[in-house]
């Protein structure tokens, strides 16, 4: 018994420096950022191929309509809205404002500043079969 207690105490003392170290951003954060960068590229250049690579096929986009109802875009409807501008670069700045990764889930806040409007997006991501996907987007738009 005394021997087990001594062993447990030594193990606790030996592991203390590792338990108090701040974790460094790892491969998961880098992988999530890569998916988000693909999304941002898709928005900036009206590139639906990049968007398809970032979004889970059944992902939905939600927003609040002016009449306080929920607006929803399917992937197919959203991609169709890019038809007249595919490949055209949008003028504006797009950036990741916040990112949080916990095991197989992540969230990101995106700010899209355009000359005539500003969008704030909140993305939900999941790691599915080892790959990160955007599975949901809620957003708000304001005119300037």
C-alpha atoms as a PDB file:
ATOM      1  CA  UNK A   1       0.000   0.000   0.000  1.00  0.00           C
ATOM      2  CA  UNK A   2       2.758   2.398   1.005  1.00  0.00           C
ATOM      3  CA  UNK A   3       4.661   1.476  -2.128  1.00  0.00           C
ATOM      4  CA  UNK A   4       1.614   2.221  -4.321  1.00  0.00           C
ATOM      5  CA  UNK A   5       1.124   5.586  -2.615  1.00  0.00           C
ATOM      6  CA  UNK A   6       4.785   6.478  -3.168  1.00  0.00           C
ATOM      7  CA  UNK A   7       4.551   5.461  -6.843  1.00  0.00           C
ATOM      8  CA  UNK A   8       1.362   7.513  -7.341  1.00  0.00           C
ATOM      9  CA  UNK A   9       2.957  10.557  -5.691  1.00  0.00           C
ATOM     10  CA  UNK A  10       6.053  10.296  -7.898  1.00  0.00           C
ATOM     11  CA  UNK A  11       3.895   9.947 -10.988  1.00  0.00           C
ATOM     12  CA  UNK A  12       1.886  13.039 -10.022  1.00  0.00           C
ATOM     13  CA  UNK A  13       5.019  15.111  -9.382  1.00  0.00           C
ATOM     14  CA  UNK A  14       6.633  13.942 -12.638  1.00  0.00           C
ATOM     15  CA  UNK A  15       3.553  14.808 -14.698  1.00  0.00           C
ATOM     16  CA  UNK A  16       2.996  18.261 -13.139  1.00  0.00           C
ATOM     17  CA  UNK A  17       5.055  20.268 -15.690  1.00  0.00           C
ATOM     18  CA  UNK A  18       3.117  18.700 -18.566  1.00  0.00           C
ATOM     19  CA  UNK A  19      -0.269  19.391 -16.987  1.00  0.00           C
ATOM     20  CA  UNK A  20       0.468  23.096 -16.542  1.00  0.00           C
ATOM     21  CA  UNK A  21       1.833  23.831 -20.010  1.00  0.00           C
ATOM     22  CA  UNK A  22      -0.357  25.853 -22.370  1.00  0.00           C
ATOM     23  CA  UNK A  23      -1.252  23.772 -25.433  1.00  0.00           C
ATOM     24  CA  UNK A  24       0.105  25.088 -28.714  1.00  0.00           C
ATOM     25  CA  UNK A  25      -2.049  25.365 -31.823  1.00  0.00           C
ATOM     26  CA  UNK A  26      -1.830  22.038 -33.533  1.00  0.00           C
ATOM     27  CA  UNK A  27      -2.663  20.202 -36.668  1.00  0.00           C
ATOM     28  CA  UNK A  28      -6.412  20.470 -36.017  1.00  0.00           C
ATOM     29  CA  UNK A  29      -6.345  24.262 -35.922  1.00  0.00           C
ATOM     30  CA  UNK A  30      -4.235  24.361 -39.083  1.00  0.00           C
ATOM     31  CA  UNK A  31      -6.645  21.989 -40.840  1.00  0.00           C
ATOM     32  CA  UNK A  32      -9.666  24.058 -39.764  1.00  0.00           C
ATOM     33  CA  UNK A  33      -7.963  27.257 -40.939  1.00  0.00           C
ATOM     34  CA  UNK A  34      -7.262  25.618 -44.320  1.00  0.00           C
ATOM     35  CA  UNK A  35     -10.970  24.833 -44.783  1.00  0.00           C
ATOM     36  CA  UNK A  36     -11.931  28.370 -43.782  1.00  0.00           C
ATOM     37  CA  UNK A  37      -9.316  29.838 -46.146  1.00  0.00           C
ATOM     38  CA  UNK A  38     -10.859  27.760 -48.948  1.00  0.00           C
ATOM     39  CA  UNK A  39     -14.241  29.241 -48.009  1.00  0.00           C
ATOM     40  CA  UNK A  40     -12.834  32.791 -48.000  1.00  0.00           C
ATOM     41  CA  UNK A  41     -11.186  32.201 -51.382  1.00  0.00           C
ATOM     42  CA  UNK A  42     -14.533  30.983 -52.733  1.00  0.00           C
ATOM     43  CA  UNK A  43     -16.250  34.157 -51.531  1.00  0.00           C
ATOM     44  CA  UNK A  44     -13.508  36.517 -52.708  1.00  0.00           C
ATOM     45  CA  UNK A  45     -13.359  35.048 -56.231  1.00  0.00           C
ATOM     46  CA  UNK A  46     -16.940  33.777 -56.598  1.00  0.00           C
ATOM     47  CA  UNK A  47     -15.446  30.292 -56.873  1.00  0.00           C
ATOM     48  CA  UNK A  48     -18.084  27.628 -56.235  1.00  0.00           C
ATOM     49  CA  UNK A  49     -15.515  24.835 -56.576  1.00  0.00           C
ATOM     50  CA  UNK A  50     -13.661  26.170 -53.523  1.00  0.00           C
ATOM     51  CA  UNK A  51     -16.941  26.567 -51.655  1.00  0.00           C
ATOM     52  CA  UNK A  52     -17.950  22.976 -52.449  1.00  0.00           C
ATOM     53  CA  UNK A  53     -14.598  21.796 -51.111  1.00  0.00           C
ATOM     54  CA  UNK A  54     -15.234  23.629 -47.824  1.00  0.00           C
ATOM     55  CA  UNK A  55     -18.921  22.836 -47.199  1.00  0.00           C
ATOM     56  CA  UNK A  56     -20.521  19.551 -46.261  1.00  0.00           C
ATOM     57  CA  UNK A  57     -22.952  18.803 -49.147  1.00  0.00           C
ATOM     58  CA  UNK A  58     -26.047  19.137 -46.955  1.00  0.00           C
ATOM     59  CA  UNK A  59     -24.870  22.222 -45.079  1.00  0.00           C
ATOM     60  CA  UNK A  60     -27.367  25.057 -44.811  1.00  0.00           C
ATOM     61  CA  UNK A  61     -26.981  28.815 -44.577  1.00  0.00           C
ATOM     62  CA  UNK A  62     -29.362  30.700 -42.285  1.00  0.00           C
ATOM     63  CA  UNK A  63     -30.094  34.382 -41.781  1.00  0.00           C
ATOM     64  CA  UNK A  64     -32.776  36.600 -40.243  1.00  0.00           C
ATOM     65  CA  UNK A  65     -35.104  38.114 -42.825  1.00  0.00           C
ATOM     66  CA  UNK A  66     -36.322  41.719 -42.408  1.00  0.00           C
ATOM     67  CA  UNK A  67     -39.751  40.340 -41.410  1.00  0.00           C
ATOM     68  CA  UNK A  68     -38.109  38.434 -38.513  1.00  0.00           C
ATOM     69  CA  UNK A  69     -38.524  35.091 -40.248  1.00  0.00           C
ATOM     70  CA  UNK A  70     -35.696  32.610 -40.801  1.00  0.00           C
ATOM     71  CA  UNK A  71     -34.126  32.692 -44.240  1.00  0.00           C
ATOM     72  CA  UNK A  72     -32.422  29.554 -45.517  1.00  0.00           C
ATOM     73  CA  UNK A  73     -30.186  28.713 -48.457  1.00  0.00           C
ATOM     74  CA  UNK A  74     -29.463  25.189 -49.620  1.00  0.00           C
ATOM     75  CA  UNK A  75     -26.074  24.582 -51.193  1.00  0.00           C
ATOM     76  CA  UNK A  76     -27.637  24.271 -54.658  1.00  0.00           C
ATOM     77  CA  UNK A  77     -29.543  27.580 -54.356  1.00  0.00           C
ATOM     78  CA  UNK A  78     -26.535  29.382 -52.939  1.00  0.00           C
ATOM     79  CA  UNK A  79     -24.149  28.164 -55.653  1.00  0.00           C
ATOM     80  CA  UNK A  80     -26.692  29.123 -58.329  1.00  0.00           C
ATOM     81  CA  UNK A  81     -26.588  32.697 -57.022  1.00  0.00           C
ATOM     82  CA  UNK A  82     -22.931  32.906 -58.125  1.00  0.00           C
ATOM     83  CA  UNK A  83     -23.768  32.087 -61.776  1.00  0.00           C
ATOM     84  CA  UNK A  84     -23.315  35.602 -63.145  1.00  0.00           C
ATOM     85  CA  UNK A  85     -20.092  36.365 -61.297  1.00  0.00           C
ATOM     86  CA  UNK A  86     -18.007  33.164 -61.256  1.00  0.00           C
ATOM     87  CA  UNK A  87     -14.313  34.030 -61.207  1.00  0.00           C
ATOM     88  CA  UNK A  88     -14.819  37.763 -60.633  1.00  0.00           C
ATOM     89  CA  UNK A  89     -12.818  39.124 -57.707  1.00  0.00           C
ATOM     90  CA  UNK A  90     -14.872  40.928 -55.086  1.00  0.00           C
ATOM     91  CA  UNK A  91     -13.513  44.196 -53.699  1.00  0.00           C
ATOM     92  CA  UNK A  92     -13.284  43.931 -49.940  1.00  0.00           C
ATOM     93  CA  UNK A  93     -11.482  42.426 -46.998  1.00  0.00           C
ATOM     94  CA  UNK A  94     -12.383  39.013 -45.597  1.00  0.00           C
ATOM     95  CA  UNK A  95     -10.867  37.745 -42.375  1.00  0.00           C
ATOM     96  CA  UNK A  96     -11.124  35.238 -39.573  1.00  0.00           C
ATOM     97  CA  UNK A  97     -12.080  37.244 -36.484  1.00  0.00           C
ATOM     98  CA  UNK A  98     -12.219  34.300 -34.053  1.00  0.00           C
ATOM     99  CA  UNK A  99     -11.574  30.571 -34.090  1.00  0.00           C
ATOM    100  CA  UNK A 100     -12.156  27.873 -31.495  1.00  0.00           C
ATOM    101  CA  UNK A 101     -11.302  24.194 -31.963  1.00  0.00           C
ATOM    102  CA  UNK A 102     -12.263  21.474 -29.467  1.00  0.00           C
ATOM    103  CA  UNK A 103     -11.574  17.881 -30.441  1.00  0.00           C
ATOM    104  CA  UNK A 104     -13.874  17.185 -33.441  1.00  0.00           C
ATOM    105  CA  UNK A 105     -15.786  20.480 -33.439  1.00  0.00           C
ATOM    106  CA  UNK A 106     -14.873  24.051 -34.297  1.00  0.00           C
ATOM    107  CA  UNK A 107     -16.482  27.452 -34.661  1.00  0.00           C
ATOM    108  CA  UNK A 108     -15.296  30.493 -36.552  1.00  0.00           C
ATOM    109  CA  UNK A 109     -16.402  34.100 -36.782  1.00  0.00           C
ATOM    110  CA  UNK A 110     -15.776  35.643 -40.195  1.00  0.00           C
ATOM    111  CA  UNK A 111     -15.961  39.324 -41.094  1.00  0.00           C
ATOM    112  CA  UNK A 112     -16.522  40.288 -44.727  1.00  0.00           C
ATOM    113  CA  UNK A 113     -16.061  44.016 -45.320  1.00  0.00           C
ATOM    114  CA  UNK A 114     -17.176  45.140 -48.770  1.00  0.00           C
ATOM    115  CA  UNK A 115     -17.562  48.728 -50.007  1.00  0.00           C
ATOM    116  CA  UNK A 116     -21.390  48.578 -49.837  1.00  0.00           C
ATOM    117  CA  UNK A 117     -21.974  46.012 -47.075  1.00  0.00           C
ATOM    118  CA  UNK A 118     -20.578  44.093 -44.147  1.00  0.00           C
ATOM    119  CA  UNK A 119     -21.314  40.451 -43.407  1.00  0.00           C
ATOM    120  CA  UNK A 120     -20.682  38.632 -40.153  1.00  0.00           C
ATOM    121  CA  UNK A 121     -20.646  34.852 -40.497  1.00  0.00           C
ATOM    122  CA  UNK A 122     -20.563  32.209 -37.804  1.00  0.00           C
ATOM    123  CA  UNK A 123     -19.409  28.849 -39.123  1.00  0.00           C
ATOM    124  CA  UNK A 124     -19.810  25.470 -37.428  1.00  0.00           C
ATOM    125  CA  UNK A 125     -17.297  22.818 -38.457  1.00  0.00           C
ATOM    126  CA  UNK A 126     -17.077  19.089 -37.764  1.00  0.00           C
ATOM    127  CA  UNK A 127     -14.333  16.584 -38.400  1.00  0.00           C
ATOM    128  CA  UNK A 128     -16.027  13.787 -40.328  1.00  0.00           C
ATOM    129  CA  UNK A 129     -13.997  10.687 -41.211  1.00  0.00           C
ATOM    130  CA  UNK A 130     -10.788  12.611 -40.540  1.00  0.00           C
ATOM    131  CA  UNK A 131     -11.656  15.665 -42.654  1.00  0.00           C
ATOM    132  CA  UNK A 132     -12.948  19.057 -41.519  1.00  0.00           C
ATOM    133  CA  UNK A 133     -16.130  20.448 -43.119  1.00  0.00           C
ATOM    134  CA  UNK A 134     -18.275  23.532 -42.658  1.00  0.00           C
ATOM    135  CA  UNK A 135     -21.630  22.010 -41.718  1.00  0.00           C
ATOM    136  CA  UNK A 136     -23.607  25.154 -40.935  1.00  0.00           C
ATOM    137  CA  UNK A 137     -23.433  28.901 -41.497  1.00  0.00           C
ATOM    138  CA  UNK A 138     -25.470  31.679 -39.923  1.00  0.00           C
ATOM    139  CA  UNK A 139     -24.891  35.205 -41.077  1.00  0.00           C
ATOM    140  CA  UNK A 140     -25.972  38.790 -40.787  1.00  0.00           C
ATOM    141  CA  UNK A 141     -25.630  41.496 -43.431  1.00  0.00           C
ATOM    142  CA  UNK A 142     -25.723  45.255 -43.097  1.00  0.00           C
ATOM    143  CA  UNK A 143     -25.671  47.923 -45.770  1.00  0.00           C
ATOM    144  CA  UNK A 144     -23.190  50.770 -45.503  1.00  0.00           C
END
